[in-house]
C-alpha cells in the first residue's frame, strides 16, 4: 500500500479540489500531500493538476489518470475484502453496457434500489444496440441479446426472452389481421426491417418450422438500426415487427400494439451477461451481475 499512497493522495486532492482539505481528510501535512503529487507527476512524466492560489483542477492528462487511479484503488479495496462478508460496502467505478430498450424499460427503472444499497458505487451505463468491444472500450460487464460469437469472452447465460409478433390497430385495419403464414402473403403485409448495421441484408420474418426455424421474405421499405425506432415505427403503423415482449409488453397492454399469429413467433432471444477473459471478477462486478439477473428473471423463459 505504501507505493499506492501518492495515487491515493492525488485522487483525494483531485476530488476535493484542494491540497489543504485533502491533507486534513487523510490526516497528513499539506506539504506531504504536495510533495507526493509532485513526485507522482515526475514519475508519470506529465502534469496532472493545474494549481492556482484559489483552486486545483485536473489537466486533460490528469482526468484520464484519475479515472484509472480510482479503478486501481477500488480494485485494491476488492482485493483486501475478497473474503469479507457481503455487508462490506462496494466502492469504485462500474462501467456497463446495456441494450437500449432493456435499459429503458427494465434496468434503469430498477436502479434506484441498487444505488441506494451501494451508495459508494459509481455506475457508468452505456446504452446501445451495437456490440461494443469490452476490452477496447473499457467495460466491466455487458448485457448481450443473441448469440455470443467471440470465444475469447466469458458469457453467463441468463435465459431466453420471449418474442412476439405485433402491429398497430391502424396498420391491421388497413391490411387485415393475419391468421396464418399464408395470410402474410395473401394480404400483402409489410414488415419493418431491423439490423444494427444499416444496409445489411434483411433477415426476414422468422417462424417455427418443425424442430427448427425458417424465414419468410416480406416486403418493407423501412430499415432501422435502433430498438426504440423499431417500436416507434410499428406504433406509427408502418409495418409488422418481431420484438421481445420485455420491450413491447406495455404497448400490448395499452392496445397501442396488437399481437398477431402467436403460434408463429420467432425463436426466443438468448440473454447473457458477458465479461472479458478474466478469472477473478471484482466484488462490484459480481454484485451487479447478480442484481441484473434477479431483475431480468421474471421476463425470461
C-alpha atoms as a PDB file:
ATOM      1  CA  UNK A   1       0.000   0.000   0.000  1.00  0.00           C
ATOM      2  CA  UNK A   2       2.955   2.353   0.536  1.00  0.00           C
ATOM      3  CA  UNK A   3       3.567   2.611  -3.239  1.00  0.00           C
ATOM      4  CA  UNK A   4      -0.106   3.460  -3.728  1.00  0.00           C
ATOM      5  CA  UNK A   5      -0.056   6.325  -1.238  1.00  0.00           C
ATOM      6  CA  UNK A   6       0.825   9.032  -3.857  1.00  0.00           C
ATOM      7  CA  UNK A   7      -2.060   7.808  -6.006  1.00  0.00           C
ATOM      8  CA  UNK A   8      -4.442   7.922  -3.042  1.00  0.00           C
ATOM      9  CA  UNK A   9      -3.265  11.446  -2.182  1.00  0.00           C
ATOM     10  CA  UNK A  10      -3.625  12.573  -5.806  1.00  0.00           C
ATOM     11  CA  UNK A  11      -7.190  11.242  -6.169  1.00  0.00           C
ATOM     12  CA  UNK A  12      -8.205  12.864  -2.879  1.00  0.00           C
ATOM     13  CA  UNK A  13      -6.753  16.218  -3.937  1.00  0.00           C
ATOM     14  CA  UNK A  14      -8.437  15.959  -7.332  1.00  0.00           C
ATOM     15  CA  UNK A  15     -11.838  15.152  -5.853  1.00  0.00           C
ATOM     16  CA  UNK A  16     -11.685  17.780  -3.108  1.00  0.00           C
ATOM     17  CA  UNK A  17     -10.085  20.442  -5.299  1.00  0.00           C
ATOM     18  CA  UNK A  18      -7.713  21.410  -2.513  1.00  0.00           C
ATOM     19  CA  UNK A  19      -4.418  20.212  -1.049  1.00  0.00           C
ATOM     20  CA  UNK A  20      -5.428  21.556   2.365  1.00  0.00           C
ATOM     21  CA  UNK A  21      -8.778  19.754   2.516  1.00  0.00           C
ATOM     22  CA  UNK A  22      -7.265  16.562   1.114  1.00  0.00           C
ATOM     23  CA  UNK A  23      -4.467  16.617   3.697  1.00  0.00           C
ATOM     24  CA  UNK A  24      -6.982  17.149   6.501  1.00  0.00           C
ATOM     25  CA  UNK A  25      -9.120  14.298   5.187  1.00  0.00           C
ATOM     26  CA  UNK A  26      -6.136  11.927   5.040  1.00  0.00           C
ATOM     27  CA  UNK A  27      -4.637  13.114   8.328  1.00  0.00           C
ATOM     28  CA  UNK A  28      -1.316  14.228   6.829  1.00  0.00           C
ATOM     29  CA  UNK A  29       0.548  17.507   6.456  1.00  0.00           C
ATOM     30  CA  UNK A  30      -0.262  19.699   3.439  1.00  0.00           C
ATOM     31  CA  UNK A  31       3.437  19.745   2.472  1.00  0.00           C
ATOM     32  CA  UNK A  32       3.492  15.960   2.350  1.00  0.00           C
ATOM     33  CA  UNK A  33       0.447  15.929   0.060  1.00  0.00           C
ATOM     34  CA  UNK A  34       2.001  18.494  -2.277  1.00  0.00           C
ATOM     35  CA  UNK A  35       5.319  16.641  -2.390  1.00  0.00           C
ATOM     36  CA  UNK A  36       3.627  13.298  -3.092  1.00  0.00           C
ATOM     37  CA  UNK A  37       1.649  14.677  -6.037  1.00  0.00           C
ATOM     38  CA  UNK A  38       4.663  16.495  -7.468  1.00  0.00           C
ATOM     39  CA  UNK A  39       6.735  13.292  -7.260  1.00  0.00           C
ATOM     40  CA  UNK A  40       3.886  11.358  -8.912  1.00  0.00           C
ATOM     41  CA  UNK A  41       3.837  13.836 -11.808  1.00  0.00           C
ATOM     42  CA  UNK A  42       7.607  13.403 -12.215  1.00  0.00           C
ATOM     43  CA  UNK A  43       7.210   9.620 -12.253  1.00  0.00           C
ATOM     44  CA  UNK A  44       4.459   9.575 -14.904  1.00  0.00           C
ATOM     45  CA  UNK A  45       6.025  12.385 -16.927  1.00  0.00           C
ATOM     46  CA  UNK A  46       3.003  14.679 -17.267  1.00  0.00           C
ATOM     47  CA  UNK A  47       1.335  17.454 -15.290  1.00  0.00           C
ATOM     48  CA  UNK A  48      -1.767  16.072 -13.598  1.00  0.00           C
ATOM     49  CA  UNK A  49      -3.074  19.178 -11.839  1.00  0.00           C
ATOM     50  CA  UNK A  50      -3.441  22.874 -12.640  1.00  0.00           C
ATOM     51  CA  UNK A  51      -2.579  24.764  -9.444  1.00  0.00           C
ATOM     52  CA  UNK A  52      -3.626  28.338  -8.698  1.00  0.00           C
ATOM     53  CA  UNK A  53      -3.804  30.278  -5.446  1.00  0.00           C
ATOM     54  CA  UNK A  54      -7.544  29.632  -5.306  1.00  0.00           C
ATOM     55  CA  UNK A  55      -8.146  26.209  -6.826  1.00  0.00           C
ATOM     56  CA  UNK A  56      -6.732  22.922  -8.009  1.00  0.00           C
ATOM     57  CA  UNK A  57      -8.080  21.383 -11.231  1.00  0.00           C
ATOM     58  CA  UNK A  58      -7.279  18.305 -13.268  1.00  0.00           C
ATOM     59  CA  UNK A  59      -5.447  18.667 -16.551  1.00  0.00           C
ATOM     60  CA  UNK A  60      -6.616  16.644 -19.547  1.00  0.00           C
ATOM     61  CA  UNK A  61      -3.966  14.006 -18.774  1.00  0.00           C
ATOM     62  CA  UNK A  62      -4.949  14.264 -15.122  1.00  0.00           C
ATOM     63  CA  UNK A  63      -8.574  13.378 -15.884  1.00  0.00           C
ATOM     64  CA  UNK A  64      -7.530  10.231 -17.725  1.00  0.00           C
ATOM     65  CA  UNK A  65      -5.086   9.294 -14.962  1.00  0.00           C
ATOM     66  CA  UNK A  66      -7.679   9.996 -12.272  1.00  0.00           C
ATOM     67  CA  UNK A  67     -10.227   7.634 -13.831  1.00  0.00           C
ATOM     68  CA  UNK A  68      -7.692   4.785 -13.965  1.00  0.00           C
ATOM     69  CA  UNK A  69      -6.379   5.611 -10.491  1.00  0.00           C
ATOM     70  CA  UNK A  70      -9.864   5.356  -8.981  1.00  0.00           C
ATOM     71  CA  UNK A  71     -10.332   1.951 -10.606  1.00  0.00           C
ATOM     72  CA  UNK A  72      -6.949   0.804  -9.283  1.00  0.00           C
ATOM     73  CA  UNK A  73      -7.760   1.889  -5.723  1.00  0.00           C
ATOM     74  CA  UNK A  74     -11.167   0.230  -5.929  1.00  0.00           C
ATOM     75  CA  UNK A  75      -9.523  -2.999  -7.121  1.00  0.00           C
ATOM     76  CA  UNK A  76      -7.163  -2.853  -4.134  1.00  0.00           C
ATOM     77  CA  UNK A  77     -10.206  -2.480  -1.882  1.00  0.00           C
ATOM     78  CA  UNK A  78     -11.710  -5.533  -3.585  1.00  0.00           C
ATOM     79  CA  UNK A  79      -8.503  -7.498  -3.051  1.00  0.00           C
ATOM     80  CA  UNK A  80      -8.453  -6.653   0.655  1.00  0.00           C
ATOM     81  CA  UNK A  81     -12.111  -7.555   1.089  1.00  0.00           C
ATOM     82  CA  UNK A  82     -12.347 -10.572  -1.224  1.00  0.00           C
ATOM     83  CA  UNK A  83     -13.016 -12.798   1.793  1.00  0.00           C
ATOM     84  CA  UNK A  84     -15.186 -10.238   3.554  1.00  0.00           C
ATOM     85  CA  UNK A  85     -18.908 -10.619   4.022  1.00  0.00           C
ATOM     86  CA  UNK A  86     -21.409  -9.046   1.643  1.00  0.00           C
ATOM     87  CA  UNK A  87     -22.009  -6.341   4.253  1.00  0.00           C
ATOM     88  CA  UNK A  88     -18.735  -4.623   3.312  1.00  0.00           C
ATOM     89  CA  UNK A  89     -19.578  -1.570   1.164  1.00  0.00           C
ATOM     90  CA  UNK A  90     -18.856  -1.682  -2.566  1.00  0.00           C
ATOM     91  CA  UNK A  91     -16.682   1.155  -3.833  1.00  0.00           C
ATOM     92  CA  UNK A  92     -15.282   2.340  -7.128  1.00  0.00           C
ATOM     93  CA  UNK A  93     -16.491   2.736 -10.675  1.00  0.00           C
ATOM     94  CA  UNK A  94     -18.509   0.157 -12.606  1.00  0.00           C
ATOM     95  CA  UNK A  95     -18.801   0.581 -16.383  1.00  0.00           C
ATOM     96  CA  UNK A  96     -21.530  -1.458 -18.112  1.00  0.00           C
ATOM     97  CA  UNK A  97     -23.288  -1.589 -21.474  1.00  0.00           C
ATOM     98  CA  UNK A  98     -26.969  -2.485 -21.929  1.00  0.00           C
ATOM     99  CA  UNK A  99     -29.276  -2.840 -24.939  1.00  0.00           C
ATOM    100  CA  UNK A 100     -31.237   0.401 -25.233  1.00  0.00           C
ATOM    101  CA  UNK A 101     -34.728  -0.998 -24.793  1.00  0.00           C
ATOM    102  CA  UNK A 102     -33.798  -3.307 -21.922  1.00  0.00           C
ATOM    103  CA  UNK A 103     -32.124  -0.369 -20.192  1.00  0.00           C
ATOM    104  CA  UNK A 104     -35.099   1.948 -20.723  1.00  0.00           C
ATOM    105  CA  UNK A 105     -37.936  -0.390 -19.792  1.00  0.00           C
ATOM    106  CA  UNK A 106     -36.421  -2.635 -17.144  1.00  0.00           C
ATOM    107  CA  UNK A 107     -32.923  -1.953 -15.799  1.00  0.00           C
ATOM    108  CA  UNK A 108     -32.941   1.823 -15.263  1.00  0.00           C
ATOM    109  CA  UNK A 109     -36.364   1.856 -13.524  1.00  0.00           C
ATOM    110  CA  UNK A 110     -34.962  -0.692 -11.045  1.00  0.00           C
ATOM    111  CA  UNK A 111     -31.674   1.167 -10.481  1.00  0.00           C
ATOM    112  CA  UNK A 112     -32.766   3.346  -7.515  1.00  0.00           C
ATOM    113  CA  UNK A 113     -32.821   0.324  -5.185  1.00  0.00           C
ATOM    114  CA  UNK A 114     -29.403  -0.860  -6.362  1.00  0.00           C
ATOM    115  CA  UNK A 115     -27.847   2.592  -5.999  1.00  0.00           C
ATOM    116  CA  UNK A 116     -29.401   3.049  -2.564  1.00  0.00           C
ATOM    117  CA  UNK A 117     -27.966  -0.300  -1.459  1.00  0.00           C
ATOM    118  CA  UNK A 118     -24.482   0.653  -2.729  1.00  0.00           C
ATOM    119  CA  UNK A 119     -24.203   4.445  -2.255  1.00  0.00           C
ATOM    120  CA  UNK A 120     -20.392   4.462  -2.639  1.00  0.00           C
ATOM    121  CA  UNK A 121     -20.503   2.802  -6.058  1.00  0.00           C
ATOM    122  CA  UNK A 122     -20.186   4.957  -9.187  1.00  0.00           C
ATOM    123  CA  UNK A 123     -22.052   3.466 -12.146  1.00  0.00           C
ATOM    124  CA  UNK A 124     -21.431   4.355 -15.808  1.00  0.00           C
ATOM    125  CA  UNK A 125     -24.189   2.988 -18.062  1.00  0.00           C
ATOM    126  CA  UNK A 126     -23.846   2.867 -21.836  1.00  0.00           C
ATOM    127  CA  UNK A 127     -26.970   2.047 -23.858  1.00  0.00           C
ATOM    128  CA  UNK A 128     -26.513   0.909 -27.439  1.00  0.00           C
ATOM    129  CA  UNK A 129     -27.778  -1.744 -29.828  1.00  0.00           C
ATOM    130  CA  UNK A 130     -24.350  -2.392 -31.354  1.00  0.00           C
ATOM    131  CA  UNK A 131     -21.901  -4.923 -29.960  1.00  0.00           C
ATOM    132  CA  UNK A 132     -19.314  -2.963 -28.005  1.00  0.00           C
ATOM    133  CA  UNK A 133     -15.708  -4.082 -27.553  1.00  0.00           C
ATOM    134  CA  UNK A 134     -15.370  -4.862 -23.846  1.00  0.00           C
ATOM    135  CA  UNK A 135     -11.600  -4.587 -23.736  1.00  0.00           C
ATOM    136  CA  UNK A 136     -11.011  -1.652 -26.076  1.00  0.00           C
ATOM    137  CA  UNK A 137     -13.876   0.399 -24.625  1.00  0.00           C
ATOM    138  CA  UNK A 138     -13.163  -0.483 -21.014  1.00  0.00           C
ATOM    139  CA  UNK A 139     -16.422  -2.169 -19.990  1.00  0.00           C
ATOM    140  CA  UNK A 140     -16.555  -4.316 -16.867  1.00  0.00           C
ATOM    141  CA  UNK A 141     -19.700  -6.117 -17.947  1.00  0.00           C
ATOM    142  CA  UNK A 142     -22.203  -6.032 -20.820  1.00  0.00           C
ATOM    143  CA  UNK A 143     -25.658  -7.492 -21.333  1.00  0.00           C
ATOM    144  CA  UNK A 144     -25.969  -9.166 -24.728  1.00  0.00           C
ATOM    145  CA  UNK A 145     -29.016 -10.320 -26.653  1.00  0.00           C
ATOM    146  CA  UNK A 146     -28.487 -13.127 -29.146  1.00  0.00           C
ATOM    147  CA  UNK A 147     -25.550 -15.491 -29.685  1.00  0.00           C
ATOM    148  CA  UNK A 148     -22.068 -14.725 -28.356  1.00  0.00           C
ATOM    149  CA  UNK A 149     -19.697 -15.189 -31.270  1.00  0.00           C
ATOM    150  CA  UNK A 150     -16.461 -14.028 -29.626  1.00  0.00           C
ATOM    151  CA  UNK A 151     -14.945 -17.110 -27.998  1.00  0.00           C
ATOM    152  CA  UNK A 152     -12.444 -15.026 -26.021  1.00  0.00           C
ATOM    153  CA  UNK A 153     -15.269 -13.630 -23.865  1.00  0.00           C
ATOM    154  CA  UNK A 154     -16.865 -15.263 -20.855  1.00  0.00           C
ATOM    155  CA  UNK A 155     -20.662 -15.421 -21.050  1.00  0.00           C
ATOM    156  CA  UNK A 156     -23.144 -16.273 -18.317  1.00  0.00           C
ATOM    157  CA  UNK A 157     -26.440 -17.325 -19.985  1.00  0.00           C
ATOM    158  CA  UNK A 158     -29.445 -15.951 -18.108  1.00  0.00           C
ATOM    159  CA  UNK A 159     -32.270 -17.405 -20.169  1.00  0.00           C
ATOM    160  CA  UNK A 160     -34.410 -16.611 -23.196  1.00  0.00           C
ATOM    161  CA  UNK A 161     -36.528 -13.543 -23.922  1.00  0.00           C
ATOM    162  CA  UNK A 162     -39.966 -14.393 -25.277  1.00  0.00           C
ATOM    163  CA  UNK A 163     -40.660 -12.791 -28.656  1.00  0.00           C
ATOM    164  CA  UNK A 164     -43.977 -11.563 -30.048  1.00  0.00           C
ATOM    165  CA  UNK A 165     -45.304 -10.575 -33.464  1.00  0.00           C
ATOM    166  CA  UNK A 166     -47.093  -7.250 -33.333  1.00  0.00           C
ATOM    167  CA  UNK A 167     -48.631  -4.406 -35.320  1.00  0.00           C
ATOM    168  CA  UNK A 168     -50.687  -1.302 -34.640  1.00  0.00           C
ATOM    169  CA  UNK A 169     -54.523  -1.340 -34.860  1.00  0.00           C
ATOM    170  CA  UNK A 170     -54.329   1.233 -37.692  1.00  0.00           C
ATOM    171  CA  UNK A 171     -51.989  -0.974 -39.700  1.00  0.00           C
ATOM    172  CA  UNK A 172     -54.207  -4.053 -39.191  1.00  0.00           C
ATOM    173  CA  UNK A 173     -57.291  -2.083 -40.194  1.00  0.00           C
ATOM    174  CA  UNK A 174     -55.567  -1.307 -43.487  1.00  0.00           C
ATOM    175  CA  UNK A 175     -54.049  -4.690 -44.326  1.00  0.00           C
ATOM    176  CA  UNK A 176     -56.201  -7.118 -42.320  1.00  0.00           C
ATOM    177  CA  UNK A 177     -55.412  -9.325 -39.344  1.00  0.00           C
ATOM    178  CA  UNK A 178     -53.265 -12.284 -40.445  1.00  0.00           C
ATOM    179  CA  UNK A 179     -54.239 -15.673 -39.010  1.00  0.00           C
ATOM    180  CA  UNK A 180     -51.571 -17.746 -40.750  1.00  0.00           C
ATOM    181  CA  UNK A 181     -48.311 -17.502 -42.661  1.00  0.00           C
ATOM    182  CA  UNK A 182     -50.307 -17.694 -45.892  1.00  0.00           C
ATOM    183  CA  UNK A 183     -52.227 -14.580 -44.844  1.00  0.00           C
ATOM    184  CA  UNK A 184     -48.965 -12.649 -44.592  1.00  0.00           C
ATOM    185  CA  UNK A 185     -48.500 -13.063 -48.340  1.00  0.00           C
ATOM    186  CA  UNK A 186     -52.139 -13.073 -49.412  1.00  0.00           C
ATOM    187  CA  UNK A 187     -52.928  -9.837 -47.563  1.00  0.00           C
ATOM    188  CA  UNK A 188     -49.660  -8.289 -48.839  1.00  0.00           C
ATOM    189  CA  UNK A 189     -48.322  -7.456 -45.394  1.00  0.00           C
ATOM    190  CA  UNK A 190     -45.218  -5.351 -44.929  1.00  0.00           C
ATOM    191  CA  UNK A 191     -42.530  -5.660 -42.279  1.00  0.00           C
ATOM    192  CA  UNK A 192     -40.144  -3.180 -40.692  1.00  0.00           C
ATOM    193  CA  UNK A 193     -36.595  -4.403 -41.207  1.00  0.00           C
ATOM    194  CA  UNK A 194     -34.248  -4.263 -38.222  1.00  0.00           C
ATOM    195  CA  UNK A 195     -30.466  -4.579 -38.261  1.00  0.00           C
ATOM    196  CA  UNK A 196     -27.777  -2.952 -36.150  1.00  0.00           C
ATOM    197  CA  UNK A 197     -25.944  -2.252 -39.426  1.00  0.00           C
ATOM    198  CA  UNK A 198     -27.942  -0.247 -41.939  1.00  0.00           C
ATOM    199  CA  UNK A 199     -27.637  -1.677 -45.434  1.00  0.00           C
ATOM    200  CA  UNK A 200     -27.281  -5.263 -44.241  1.00  0.00           C
ATOM    201  CA  UNK A 201     -29.446  -7.863 -45.964  1.00  0.00           C
ATOM    202  CA  UNK A 202     -32.850  -8.139 -44.202  1.00  0.00           C
ATOM    203  CA  UNK A 203     -33.078 -11.210 -42.015  1.00  0.00           C
ATOM    204  CA  UNK A 204     -36.679 -11.949 -42.951  1.00  0.00           C
ATOM    205  CA  UNK A 205     -39.784 -12.931 -40.991  1.00  0.00           C
ATOM    206  CA  UNK A 206     -38.742 -15.844 -38.774  1.00  0.00           C
ATOM    207  CA  UNK A 207     -41.170 -18.604 -37.793  1.00  0.00           C
ATOM    208  CA  UNK A 208     -41.010 -22.130 -36.305  1.00  0.00           C
ATOM    209  CA  UNK A 209     -40.706 -24.913 -38.880  1.00  0.00           C
ATOM    210  CA  UNK A 210     -40.762 -28.313 -37.214  1.00  0.00           C
ATOM    211  CA  UNK A 211     -37.766 -28.618 -34.904  1.00  0.00           C
ATOM    212  CA  UNK A 212     -36.065 -25.583 -36.435  1.00  0.00           C
ATOM    213  CA  UNK A 213     -36.895 -22.127 -37.769  1.00  0.00           C
ATOM    214  CA  UNK A 214     -37.333 -20.764 -41.265  1.00  0.00           C
ATOM    215  CA  UNK A 215     -37.700 -17.268 -42.701  1.00  0.00           C
ATOM    216  CA  UNK A 216     -40.259 -15.702 -44.959  1.00  0.00           C
ATOM    217  CA  UNK A 217     -39.155 -12.717 -47.014  1.00  0.00           C
ATOM    218  CA  UNK A 218     -41.723  -9.947 -46.632  1.00  0.00           C
ATOM    219  CA  UNK A 219     -41.554  -6.569 -48.366  1.00  0.00           C
ATOM    220  CA  UNK A 220     -40.816  -3.443 -46.379  1.00  0.00           C
ATOM    221  CA  UNK A 221     -39.483  -0.039 -47.329  1.00  0.00           C
ATOM    222  CA  UNK A 222     -38.255   0.953 -43.868  1.00  0.00           C
ATOM    223  CA  UNK A 223     -34.944  -0.238 -42.402  1.00  0.00           C
ATOM    224  CA  UNK A 224     -33.943   0.788 -38.845  1.00  0.00           C
ATOM    225  CA  UNK A 225     -30.977   0.101 -36.545  1.00  0.00           C
ATOM    226  CA  UNK A 226     -32.464   1.056 -33.155  1.00  0.00           C
ATOM    227  CA  UNK A 227     -34.882  -0.933 -30.997  1.00  0.00           C
ATOM    228  CA  UNK A 228     -36.689   2.244 -29.998  1.00  0.00           C
ATOM    229  CA  UNK A 229     -37.100   3.321 -33.625  1.00  0.00           C
ATOM    230  CA  UNK A 230     -38.279  -0.189 -34.480  1.00  0.00           C
ATOM    231  CA  UNK A 231     -41.078   0.054 -31.912  1.00  0.00           C
ATOM    232  CA  UNK A 232     -41.895   3.644 -32.850  1.00  0.00           C
ATOM    233  CA  UNK A 233     -42.289   2.624 -36.491  1.00  0.00           C
ATOM    234  CA  UNK A 234     -44.713  -0.137 -35.512  1.00  0.00           C
ATOM    235  CA  UNK A 235     -46.690   2.285 -33.344  1.00  0.00           C
ATOM    236  CA  UNK A 236     -46.887   4.619 -36.358  1.00  0.00           C
ATOM    237  CA  UNK A 237     -48.468   1.848 -38.415  1.00  0.00           C
ATOM    238  CA  UNK A 238     -45.550   1.356 -40.799  1.00  0.00           C
ATOM    239  CA  UNK A 239     -45.444  -2.437 -40.646  1.00  0.00           C
ATOM    240  CA  UNK A 240     -45.181  -5.661 -38.662  1.00  0.00           C
ATOM    241  CA  UNK A 241     -42.440  -6.292 -36.110  1.00  0.00           C
ATOM    242  CA  UNK A 242     -40.991  -9.245 -34.200  1.00  0.00           C
ATOM    243  CA  UNK A 243     -39.755  -7.934 -30.851  1.00  0.00           C
ATOM    244  CA  UNK A 244     -39.106  -9.047 -27.267  1.00  0.00           C
ATOM    245  CA  UNK A 245     -42.158  -8.974 -25.011  1.00  0.00           C
ATOM    246  CA  UNK A 246     -39.998  -7.124 -22.469  1.00  0.00           C
ATOM    247  CA  UNK A 247     -39.963  -4.053 -24.721  1.00  0.00           C
ATOM    248  CA  UNK A 248     -43.438  -4.075 -26.303  1.00  0.00           C
ATOM    249  CA  UNK A 249     -45.439  -5.571 -23.444  1.00  0.00           C
ATOM    250  CA  UNK A 250     -46.577  -2.135 -22.263  1.00  0.00           C
ATOM    251  CA  UNK A 251     -47.959  -1.351 -25.733  1.00  0.00           C
ATOM    252  CA  UNK A 252     -49.795  -4.672 -25.929  1.00  0.00           C
ATOM    253  CA  UNK A 253     -51.390  -3.978 -22.550  1.00  0.00           C
ATOM    254  CA  UNK A 254     -52.500  -0.486 -23.597  1.00  0.00           C
ATOM    255  CA  UNK A 255     -53.761  -1.624 -27.005  1.00  0.00           C
ATOM    256  CA  UNK A 256     -51.293   0.578 -28.907  1.00  0.00           C
ATOM    257  CA  UNK A 257     -49.984  -2.657 -30.461  1.00  0.00           C
ATOM    258  CA  UNK A 258     -51.759  -5.966 -31.090  1.00  0.00           C
ATOM    259  CA  UNK A 259     -50.154  -9.406 -31.042  1.00  0.00           C
ATOM    260  CA  UNK A 260     -50.691 -11.424 -34.219  1.00  0.00           C
ATOM    261  CA  UNK A 261     -50.220 -15.095 -35.214  1.00  0.00           C
ATOM    262  CA  UNK A 262     -48.919 -16.119 -31.759  1.00  0.00           C
ATOM    263  CA  UNK A 263     -48.264 -19.696 -32.950  1.00  0.00           C
ATOM    264  CA  UNK A 264     -45.583 -18.411 -35.304  1.00  0.00           C
ATOM    265  CA  UNK A 265     -43.304 -16.354 -33.074  1.00  0.00           C
ATOM    266  CA  UNK A 266     -39.622 -16.150 -33.919  1.00  0.00           C
ATOM    267  CA  UNK A 267     -37.179 -18.037 -31.709  1.00  0.00           C
ATOM    268  CA  UNK A 268     -36.683 -16.693 -28.209  1.00  0.00           C
ATOM    269  CA  UNK A 269     -33.684 -14.393 -27.841  1.00  0.00           C
ATOM    270  CA  UNK A 270     -30.767 -15.592 -25.711  1.00  0.00           C
ATOM    271  CA  UNK A 271     -29.766 -13.209 -22.915  1.00  0.00           C
ATOM    272  CA  UNK A 272     -26.243 -13.299 -21.485  1.00  0.00           C
ATOM    273  CA  UNK A 273     -24.039 -11.296 -19.171  1.00  0.00           C
ATOM    274  CA  UNK A 274     -20.593 -11.038 -20.728  1.00  0.00           C
ATOM    275  CA  UNK A 275     -17.219 -10.139 -19.231  1.00  0.00           C
ATOM    276  CA  UNK A 276     -13.719 -10.083 -20.674  1.00  0.00           C
ATOM    277  CA  UNK A 277     -11.453 -13.101 -20.235  1.00  0.00           C
ATOM    278  CA  UNK A 278     -10.664 -12.525 -16.566  1.00  0.00           C
ATOM    279  CA  UNK A 279     -10.764 -15.290 -13.988  1.00  0.00           C
ATOM    280  CA  UNK A 280     -11.304 -13.091 -10.933  1.00  0.00           C
ATOM    281  CA  UNK A 281     -14.150 -10.594 -11.078  1.00  0.00           C
ATOM    282  CA  UNK A 282     -14.303  -7.746  -8.588  1.00  0.00           C
ATOM    283  CA  UNK A 283     -16.969  -7.766  -5.909  1.00  0.00           C
ATOM    284  CA  UNK A 284     -18.725  -4.824  -7.527  1.00  0.00           C
ATOM    285  CA  UNK A 285     -18.985  -6.628 -10.885  1.00  0.00           C
ATOM    286  CA  UNK A 286     -20.226  -9.813  -9.248  1.00  0.00           C
ATOM    287  CA  UNK A 287     -22.793  -7.873  -7.221  1.00  0.00           C
ATOM    288  CA  UNK A 288     -24.092  -6.049 -10.291  1.00  0.00           C
ATOM    289  CA  UNK A 289     -24.327  -9.257 -12.317  1.00  0.00           C
ATOM    290  CA  UNK A 290     -26.323 -10.961  -9.561  1.00  0.00           C
ATOM    291  CA  UNK A 291     -28.633  -7.952  -9.268  1.00  0.00           C
ATOM    292  CA  UNK A 292     -29.284  -7.666 -13.007  1.00  0.00           C
ATOM    293  CA  UNK A 293     -30.010 -11.395 -13.192  1.00  0.00           C
ATOM    294  CA  UNK A 294     -32.641 -11.003 -10.464  1.00  0.00           C
ATOM    295  CA  UNK A 295     -34.203  -8.027 -12.284  1.00  0.00           C
ATOM    296  CA  UNK A 296     -34.492  -9.892 -15.604  1.00  0.00           C
ATOM    297  CA  UNK A 297     -35.619 -13.295 -14.313  1.00  0.00           C
ATOM    298  CA  UNK A 298     -39.389 -12.523 -14.487  1.00  0.00           C
ATOM    299  CA  UNK A 299     -39.055 -11.791 -18.226  1.00  0.00           C
ATOM    300  CA  UNK A 300     -37.124 -14.935 -19.150  1.00  0.00           C
ATOM    301  CA  UNK A 301     -38.215 -18.367 -20.289  1.00  0.00           C
END
